[in-house]
Protein backbone atom coordinates (compact mmCIF):
# COMPACT_ATOMS: atom_id res chain seq x y z
CA MET A 1 134.86 136.83 -5.74
CA THR A 2 135.09 136.15 -2.04
CA GLY A 3 131.66 134.49 -1.87
CA LEU A 4 133.06 131.05 -2.68
CA HIS A 5 135.10 131.06 0.53
CA TYR A 6 132.02 131.78 2.58
CA PHE A 7 129.92 129.32 0.62
CA CYS A 8 132.20 126.54 1.78
CA GLN A 9 133.03 127.64 5.30
CA VAL A 10 130.42 129.92 6.89
CA ILE A 11 128.70 128.26 9.86
CA ILE A 12 125.52 129.77 11.30
CA ASN A 13 123.69 128.60 14.41
CA ASP A 14 120.12 129.49 13.40
CA ARG A 15 118.25 126.71 11.65
CA MET A 16 115.25 127.21 9.34
CA PHE A 17 113.14 129.82 11.04
CA PHE A 18 110.78 132.08 9.11
CA LYS A 19 113.49 134.74 9.15
CA ASP A 20 115.78 132.34 7.28
CA VAL A 21 113.30 131.93 4.41
CA ILE A 22 114.30 134.33 1.64
CA GLY A 23 111.42 136.53 0.52
CA GLN A 24 107.90 134.96 0.55
CA ASP A 25 106.71 137.56 3.09
CA ASP A 26 103.02 137.16 2.17
CA GLN A 27 103.09 133.43 2.83
CA LYS A 28 105.02 133.86 6.08
CA LYS A 29 102.35 136.25 7.32
CA LEU A 30 99.55 133.90 6.28
CA LEU A 31 101.12 130.96 8.10
CA THR A 32 101.91 132.81 11.34
CA VAL A 33 98.54 134.55 11.53
CA THR A 34 96.52 131.38 10.93
CA ALA A 35 98.67 129.45 13.41
CA ARG A 36 98.09 132.03 16.14
CA LYS A 37 94.34 131.92 15.43
CA GLY A 38 94.34 128.13 15.67
CA LEU A 39 93.35 127.71 12.00
CA ILE A 40 95.42 124.62 11.27
CA PRO A 41 94.28 122.71 8.15
CA HIS A 42 94.73 118.95 8.22
CA ALA A 43 97.02 119.00 5.17
CA ARG A 44 99.00 121.69 3.41
CA LEU A 45 100.85 121.35 0.12
CA PHE A 46 103.72 123.81 -0.30
CA CYS A 47 104.22 124.34 -4.05
CA GLY A 48 107.16 126.27 -5.36
CA ALA A 49 109.61 126.05 -8.22
CA GLU A 50 113.07 124.80 -7.31
CA GLY A 51 114.96 127.25 -5.14
CA THR A 52 111.98 129.27 -3.90
CA GLY A 53 112.25 127.92 -0.35
CA ALA A 54 109.18 125.67 -0.09
CA PHE A 55 110.93 123.12 2.14
CA GLN A 56 112.38 125.83 4.38
CA LEU A 57 109.00 127.57 4.70
CA ALA A 58 107.20 124.32 5.57
CA PHE A 59 109.83 123.41 8.17
CA ALA A 60 109.65 126.89 9.74
CA TYR A 61 105.87 126.48 9.92
CA ALA A 62 106.16 123.06 11.59
CA ARG A 63 108.56 124.54 14.15
CA TYR A 64 106.23 127.49 14.74
CA LEU A 65 103.24 125.22 15.39
CA ASN A 66 105.04 123.55 18.29
CA CYS A 67 107.11 126.41 19.69
CA THR A 68 105.98 127.08 23.28
CA ASP A 69 107.18 130.69 23.36
CA ARG A 70 106.64 131.92 19.81
CA ASN A 71 106.23 135.60 18.98
CA GLU A 72 104.16 137.29 16.33
CA ASP A 73 106.58 136.58 13.49
CA ASP A 74 108.70 133.58 14.43
CA SER A 75 109.61 130.78 16.81
CA CYS A 76 111.65 131.53 19.91
CA GLY A 77 114.54 129.17 19.12
CA LYS A 78 115.10 128.47 22.81
CA CYS A 79 112.24 126.31 24.07
CA HIS A 80 112.54 122.52 24.35
CA SER A 81 110.60 122.00 21.13
CA CYS A 82 112.79 124.41 19.13
CA LEU A 83 115.95 122.75 20.41
CA GLN A 84 114.63 119.38 19.28
CA TYR A 85 113.76 120.84 15.86
CA ASN A 86 117.32 122.13 15.63
CA GLU A 87 118.53 118.54 15.82
CA ILE A 88 115.79 117.24 13.48
CA ALA A 89 114.94 114.92 16.36
CA HIS A 90 111.56 115.91 17.76
CA PRO A 91 109.66 112.71 18.68
CA ASP A 92 106.48 114.05 17.04
CA LEU A 93 108.16 115.09 13.79
CA HIS A 94 108.05 112.38 11.14
CA PHE A 95 109.54 112.41 7.64
CA ALA A 96 108.87 110.68 4.35
CA PHE A 97 111.30 111.49 1.54
CA PRO A 98 112.60 110.02 -1.74
CA MET A 99 115.12 107.26 -1.20
CA ILE A 100 116.90 104.50 -3.05
CA THR A 101 117.15 100.77 -2.49
CA LEU A 102 120.35 98.89 -3.12
CA LYS A 103 120.72 95.14 -3.62
CA SER A 104 123.58 95.22 -1.13
CA SER A 105 121.47 96.78 1.64
CA LYS A 106 118.19 96.06 3.39
CA LYS A 107 117.04 99.68 3.42
CA GLU A 108 113.39 99.70 2.39
CA VAL A 109 111.77 102.65 4.20
CA CYS A 110 112.78 106.20 5.09
CA ASP A 111 113.58 105.32 8.70
CA ASP A 112 116.44 103.21 7.37
CA TYR A 113 118.00 106.43 6.10
CA ILE A 114 117.07 108.65 9.05
CA THR A 115 120.68 109.05 10.25
CA GLU A 116 121.85 110.18 6.81
CA TRP A 117 118.75 112.34 6.40
CA ARG A 118 119.31 114.20 9.67
CA ALA A 119 122.98 114.74 8.85
CA PHE A 120 122.09 116.01 5.38
CA LEU A 121 119.47 118.44 6.70
CA LYS A 122 121.63 119.73 9.53
CA ASP A 123 124.50 120.35 7.14
CA ARG A 124 122.31 122.30 4.70
CA ILE A 125 120.38 124.11 7.42
CA THR A 126 123.50 125.16 9.31
CA GLN A 127 124.94 126.73 6.16
CA LYS A 128 121.56 128.24 5.20
CA THR A 129 121.73 126.69 1.75
CA TYR A 130 118.71 125.53 -0.23
CA PHE A 131 118.72 122.05 -1.74
CA THR A 132 116.98 119.66 -4.14
CA VAL A 133 116.32 115.94 -4.44
CA ASP A 134 119.43 115.76 -6.63
CA SER A 135 121.42 117.33 -3.76
CA TRP A 136 120.15 114.56 -1.48
CA LEU A 137 121.14 111.87 -3.98
CA THR A 138 124.58 113.41 -4.39
CA TYR A 139 124.97 113.34 -0.60
CA LEU A 140 124.15 109.61 -0.68
CA GLY A 141 126.61 109.03 -3.50
CA ALA A 142 123.77 107.88 -5.73
CA GLU A 143 123.66 110.60 -8.40
CA LYS A 144 122.54 108.26 -11.17
CA LYS A 145 119.86 106.50 -9.16
CA LYS A 146 116.15 107.28 -9.29
CA ALA A 147 114.76 108.16 -5.87
CA ILE A 148 111.12 107.50 -4.96
CA ILE A 149 108.98 107.06 -1.86
CA TYR A 150 108.30 103.33 -2.03
CA ALA A 151 105.00 101.53 -1.47
CA ALA A 152 106.18 100.09 1.85
CA GLU A 153 106.39 103.61 3.30
CA SER A 154 102.60 103.91 3.55
CA GLU A 155 102.39 101.15 6.16
CA LYS A 156 105.19 102.73 8.19
CA ILE A 157 103.44 106.10 8.10
CA MET A 158 100.10 104.62 9.17
CA LYS A 159 101.73 102.96 12.17
CA LYS A 160 103.37 106.24 13.23
CA MET A 161 100.11 108.16 12.92
CA ASN A 162 98.38 105.65 15.19
CA LEU A 163 100.87 106.21 17.99
CA ARG A 164 100.03 108.65 20.77
CA ILE A 165 101.50 112.14 20.61
CA TYR A 166 104.46 112.37 22.99
CA GLU A 167 104.69 116.04 23.88
CA ALA A 168 103.93 118.32 20.93
CA ALA A 169 100.92 120.54 20.35
CA PHE A 170 100.81 119.06 16.85
CA ARG A 171 102.26 115.87 15.47
CA VAL A 172 103.79 116.73 12.08
CA LEU A 173 104.08 114.38 9.12
CA PHE A 174 106.47 115.97 6.63
CA ILE A 175 106.32 114.50 3.12
CA TRP A 176 109.03 115.82 0.82
CA ALA A 177 108.36 115.38 -2.92
CA PRO A 178 104.93 113.66 -2.92
CA ASP A 179 105.23 113.74 -6.71
CA ARG A 180 107.83 110.97 -6.27
CA MET A 181 105.55 108.70 -4.27
CA HIS A 182 104.85 105.27 -5.67
CA GLU A 183 101.23 105.26 -6.83
CA SER A 184 100.37 102.48 -4.39
CA CYS A 185 101.82 104.47 -1.50
CA ALA A 186 99.97 107.64 -2.54
CA ASN A 187 96.63 105.87 -2.85
CA LYS A 188 96.97 104.21 0.55
CA LEU A 189 97.62 107.61 2.18
CA LEU A 190 94.59 109.37 0.69
CA LYS A 191 92.30 108.56 3.62
CA LEU A 192 94.95 109.69 6.10
CA ILE A 193 95.51 112.98 4.25
CA GLU A 194 91.77 113.64 4.14
CA GLU A 195 91.08 112.69 7.76
CA PRO A 196 94.27 112.53 9.84
CA PRO A 197 94.18 111.81 13.58
CA THR A 198 93.45 114.74 15.87
CA ARG A 199 96.25 117.29 16.43
CA THR A 200 98.08 116.11 13.31
CA ALA A 201 99.41 118.40 10.59
CA ILE A 202 100.46 116.88 7.27
CA LEU A 203 102.90 119.12 5.41
CA MET A 204 103.88 118.21 1.87
CA VAL A 205 106.48 119.99 -0.27
CA THR A 206 106.83 119.73 -4.03
CA ASP A 207 108.38 121.62 -6.91
CA ASN A 208 106.29 119.51 -9.32
CA PRO A 209 102.63 119.98 -8.31
CA ASP A 210 101.52 118.96 -11.81
CA LYS A 211 103.10 115.54 -11.25
CA THR A 212 101.55 115.10 -7.82
CA LEU A 213 98.51 112.83 -7.65
CA GLY A 214 95.43 114.99 -8.25
CA THR A 215 93.53 113.40 -5.37
CA ILE A 216 96.32 114.48 -3.01
CA VAL A 217 96.27 118.05 -4.31
CA SER A 218 92.49 118.25 -3.97
CA ARG A 219 92.66 117.15 -0.32
CA SER A 220 95.25 119.77 0.62
CA GLN A 221 95.35 123.50 1.17
CA LEU A 222 97.86 124.89 -1.33
CA ILE A 223 100.58 127.34 -0.36
CA ARG A 224 102.04 128.67 -3.61
CA LEU A 225 105.48 130.30 -3.62
CA ARG A 226 106.61 132.78 -6.24
CA PRO A 227 110.13 133.10 -7.68
CA ILE A 228 112.24 135.24 -5.35
CA GLN A 229 112.77 138.83 -6.45
CA SER A 230 116.18 139.49 -7.95
CA ASP A 231 117.00 142.37 -5.61
CA ILE A 232 116.25 140.19 -2.57
CA ILE A 233 118.59 137.44 -3.78
CA ALA A 234 121.28 140.02 -4.55
CA GLY A 235 120.93 141.42 -1.03
CA VAL A 236 121.39 137.98 0.54
CA LEU A 237 124.43 137.26 -1.60
CA LYS A 238 126.02 140.55 -0.53
CA ASN A 239 125.12 140.38 3.15
CA GLN A 240 125.50 136.68 3.84
CA TRP A 241 128.10 135.55 1.35
CA HIS A 242 130.01 138.86 1.04
CA VAL A 243 129.70 138.94 -2.76
CA GLN A 244 130.60 142.19 -4.51
CA ASP A 245 127.61 144.29 -5.58
CA GLU A 246 128.05 143.88 -9.34
CA ASP A 247 128.61 140.12 -9.06
CA ALA A 248 125.64 139.74 -6.72
CA ARG A 249 123.32 141.54 -9.12
CA SER A 250 124.56 139.48 -12.06
CA ILE A 251 124.11 136.16 -10.25
CA ALA A 252 120.68 137.18 -8.96
CA HIS A 253 119.59 138.12 -12.47
CA LEU A 254 120.79 134.81 -13.90
CA SER A 255 119.15 132.78 -11.13
CA GLY A 256 115.63 133.62 -12.33
CA GLY A 257 114.27 133.79 -8.78
CA ASN A 258 115.86 130.45 -7.82
CA TYR A 259 118.07 130.84 -4.74
CA PHE A 260 119.43 127.31 -5.10
CA LYS A 261 120.57 128.17 -8.63
CA ALA A 262 122.09 131.43 -7.33
CA LEU A 263 124.19 129.44 -4.87
CA GLU A 264 125.15 127.02 -7.63
CA LEU A 265 126.22 129.91 -9.83
CA LEU A 266 128.28 131.22 -6.95
CA ALA A 267 129.85 127.86 -6.20
CA VAL A 268 130.55 126.80 -9.78
CA GLU A 269 131.88 130.10 -11.07
CA ASN A 270 135.23 128.43 -11.72
CA ASP A 271 133.45 125.92 -13.95
CA ASN A 272 132.26 128.67 -16.28
CA CYS A 273 135.59 128.90 -18.10
CA TYR A 274 135.42 125.17 -18.81
CA PHE A 275 131.74 125.39 -19.77
CA LEU A 276 132.44 128.27 -22.16
CA GLU A 277 135.12 126.24 -23.96
CA GLN A 278 132.78 123.26 -24.28
CA PHE A 279 129.98 125.53 -25.50
CA LYS A 280 132.30 126.95 -28.16
CA ALA A 281 133.29 123.42 -29.18
CA MET A 282 129.66 122.28 -29.47
CA MET A 283 128.73 125.26 -31.66
CA ARG A 284 131.90 124.94 -33.75
CA ASN A 285 131.27 121.22 -34.28
CA GLY A 286 127.74 121.98 -35.38
CA TRP A 287 128.85 124.62 -37.87
CA THR A 288 131.58 122.43 -39.40
CA ARG A 289 129.49 119.22 -39.16
CA ASN A 290 132.44 117.48 -37.53
CA VAL A 291 130.88 114.19 -36.44
CA VAL A 292 134.11 112.81 -34.96
CA ALA A 293 134.49 115.90 -32.79
CA MET A 294 130.81 115.59 -31.79
CA LYS A 295 131.48 112.05 -30.61
CA ASP A 296 134.49 113.21 -28.57
CA PHE A 297 132.44 116.05 -27.10
CA SER A 298 129.66 113.62 -26.11
CA GLU A 299 132.14 111.35 -24.35
CA GLU A 300 133.63 114.35 -22.54
CA MET A 301 130.19 115.43 -21.31
CA ALA A 302 129.25 111.88 -20.32
CA SER A 303 132.30 111.72 -18.05
CA LEU A 304 130.82 114.48 -15.90
CA GLY A 305 128.25 113.81 -13.17
CA PRO A 306 124.55 114.58 -13.77
CA GLU A 307 124.70 117.76 -11.71
CA LYS A 308 127.56 119.15 -13.76
CA GLN A 309 125.88 118.09 -16.98
CA LYS A 310 122.75 120.00 -16.00
CA ASN A 311 124.83 123.00 -14.96
CA PHE A 312 126.48 122.96 -18.39
CA LEU A 313 123.14 122.82 -20.20
CA SER A 314 121.84 125.64 -18.06
CA PHE A 315 124.98 127.60 -18.92
CA CYS A 316 124.36 126.93 -22.62
CA GLN A 317 120.80 128.22 -22.37
CA ARG A 318 122.08 131.39 -20.77
CA GLN A 319 124.66 131.83 -23.53
CA ILE A 320 122.02 131.48 -26.24
CA ARG A 321 119.74 133.93 -24.48
CA GLU A 322 122.50 136.48 -23.89
CA ASN A 323 123.81 136.20 -27.45
CA PHE A 324 120.32 136.75 -28.84
CA ILE A 325 119.86 139.83 -26.63
CA ASN A 326 123.33 141.01 -27.70
CA CYS A 327 122.01 141.46 -31.22
CA LEU A 328 119.53 144.04 -29.90
CA ASP A 329 122.44 146.37 -29.11
CA GLU A 330 121.18 147.05 -25.58
CA PRO A 331 124.23 146.56 -23.29
CA LYS A 332 122.18 147.14 -20.13
CA LEU A 333 120.19 143.99 -20.88
CA ASN A 334 123.27 141.77 -21.16
CA TYR A 335 124.93 139.89 -18.30
CA MET A 336 128.12 138.33 -19.65
CA SER A 337 131.67 138.03 -18.44
CA LYS A 338 134.43 139.62 -20.52
CA GLU A 339 135.35 136.23 -22.03
CA GLU A 340 131.72 135.53 -22.90
CA ALA A 341 131.29 139.00 -24.39
CA ASP A 342 134.41 138.57 -26.52
CA PHE A 343 133.02 135.32 -27.95
CA ALA A 344 129.61 136.92 -28.49
CA ILE A 345 131.10 139.46 -30.90
CA ARG A 346 131.64 136.63 -33.38
CA PHE A 347 128.90 134.22 -32.34
CA SER A 348 125.80 136.33 -31.66
CA PRO A 349 124.96 136.93 -35.37
CA PHE A 350 124.28 133.18 -35.61
CA VAL A 351 121.57 133.35 -32.90
CA ASN A 352 118.49 134.95 -34.40
CA GLU A 353 114.70 134.89 -34.48
CA ARG A 354 114.75 131.93 -36.89
CA ASN A 355 116.54 129.54 -34.55
CA VAL A 356 116.71 130.89 -30.98
CA ILE A 357 113.51 129.25 -29.73
CA ASP A 358 114.35 125.87 -31.25
CA ILE A 359 117.90 125.90 -29.86
CA MET A 360 116.57 126.75 -26.39
CA ASP A 361 113.99 123.96 -26.68
CA GLU A 362 116.68 121.42 -27.61
CA LEU A 363 118.89 122.47 -24.68
CA SER A 364 115.93 122.32 -22.30
CA LEU A 365 114.96 118.87 -23.60
CA ALA A 366 118.52 117.62 -23.13
CA GLU A 367 118.50 118.93 -19.55
CA MET A 368 115.26 117.06 -18.89
CA HIS A 369 116.70 113.85 -20.34
CA VAL A 370 119.79 114.15 -18.13
CA SER A 371 117.48 114.55 -15.10
CA GLN A 372 115.71 111.35 -16.17
CA ASN A 373 119.00 109.43 -16.35
CA VAL A 374 118.91 108.94 -20.11
CA ASN A 375 122.28 107.77 -21.46
CA ALA A 376 124.43 110.92 -21.45
CA LYS A 377 126.44 110.03 -24.56
CA MET A 378 123.23 109.67 -26.55
CA VAL A 379 121.79 112.90 -25.13
CA PHE A 380 124.79 115.05 -26.01
CA PHE A 381 125.46 113.44 -29.40
CA ASP A 382 121.82 113.90 -30.38
CA LEU A 383 121.98 117.51 -29.16
CA SER A 384 125.12 118.13 -31.22
CA MET A 385 123.48 116.75 -34.37
CA ARG A 386 120.43 118.96 -33.89
CA ILE A 387 122.61 122.03 -33.34
CA THR A 388 124.18 121.28 -36.77
CA THR A 389 120.89 122.12 -38.47
CA LEU A 390 119.75 124.93 -36.21
CA VAL A 391 122.94 127.01 -36.08
CA LYS A 392 122.85 127.56 -39.88
CA ARG A 393 119.32 128.95 -40.04
């Protein structure tokens, strides 16, 4: 597949316009129409599952609000404001985002990370790739750290909001992942979110609205994003990343409407051979009740980074799903490589209506625990022991 070459090397000049947001046409139209009519709510909360483009849509909207030569559908990309947005350096654009504190550094608020943050965004924007909080932590070299928006950030934000507007039509406060705000910080910002200074737009982006403080949600106008249609993702993979049609359709199907996951699937395709071998080992260990091999497997998995561990567990969930569907004898419903299909001939009879849901639940739970930085050896050993019981049902 040639897409991997482009994934690593393609460089594109445009940076997060509405046209760069994949799908979500209804929400694009809503945002542009209300902006042109001057209907600018004081706070908007962009809610979308991972990989649906909530951050990109919110950023395109912020750019559109301040573009001095915008058209009906998008910003011009050439005015002074757009050029500043390209560099993530507009004086009236302020960010709050999850961060980490280290004993060896004095970084306590987001401004202490602003150089890294701008570099991270420009790198992702230039390549038109979607990203997550985990991507940000990986960029910082802090994969196993827990990132939050600390309590001290509220005071910094309040000071910025009390400054005069330099040159923009709207000052924009961009809060990424309000669900990760320290409770003290969130509570201190409630008054600001409800009644911000004049000509101020507060844009918040989350893929966990259920974990966002209810009083923040109730004070915001919600913009809900749907999973991206499979054919749209496939089209982007073919046109932008030069992926072959069959591969593009397969990746789009597996992504479940998550463009970030589609790019991951494209980028980690070479990992799939390794993942398949480890999946076979985990199932074989469970069937034979080989505790020593389970321990070795757990140590092998623990040696990988959190991102790769989650990719493996996602791969396992796909294998279980595809093997269950394989039993239905409907080839058109299956999306497996030749190597996976060869293994499924022998393995799929062991995935049935008596165990498929429970196995999927255990894999999903393990993925959640990895995301929460639970000890990886314990997670994968416990998973292996549970598979021992389930695979024999």
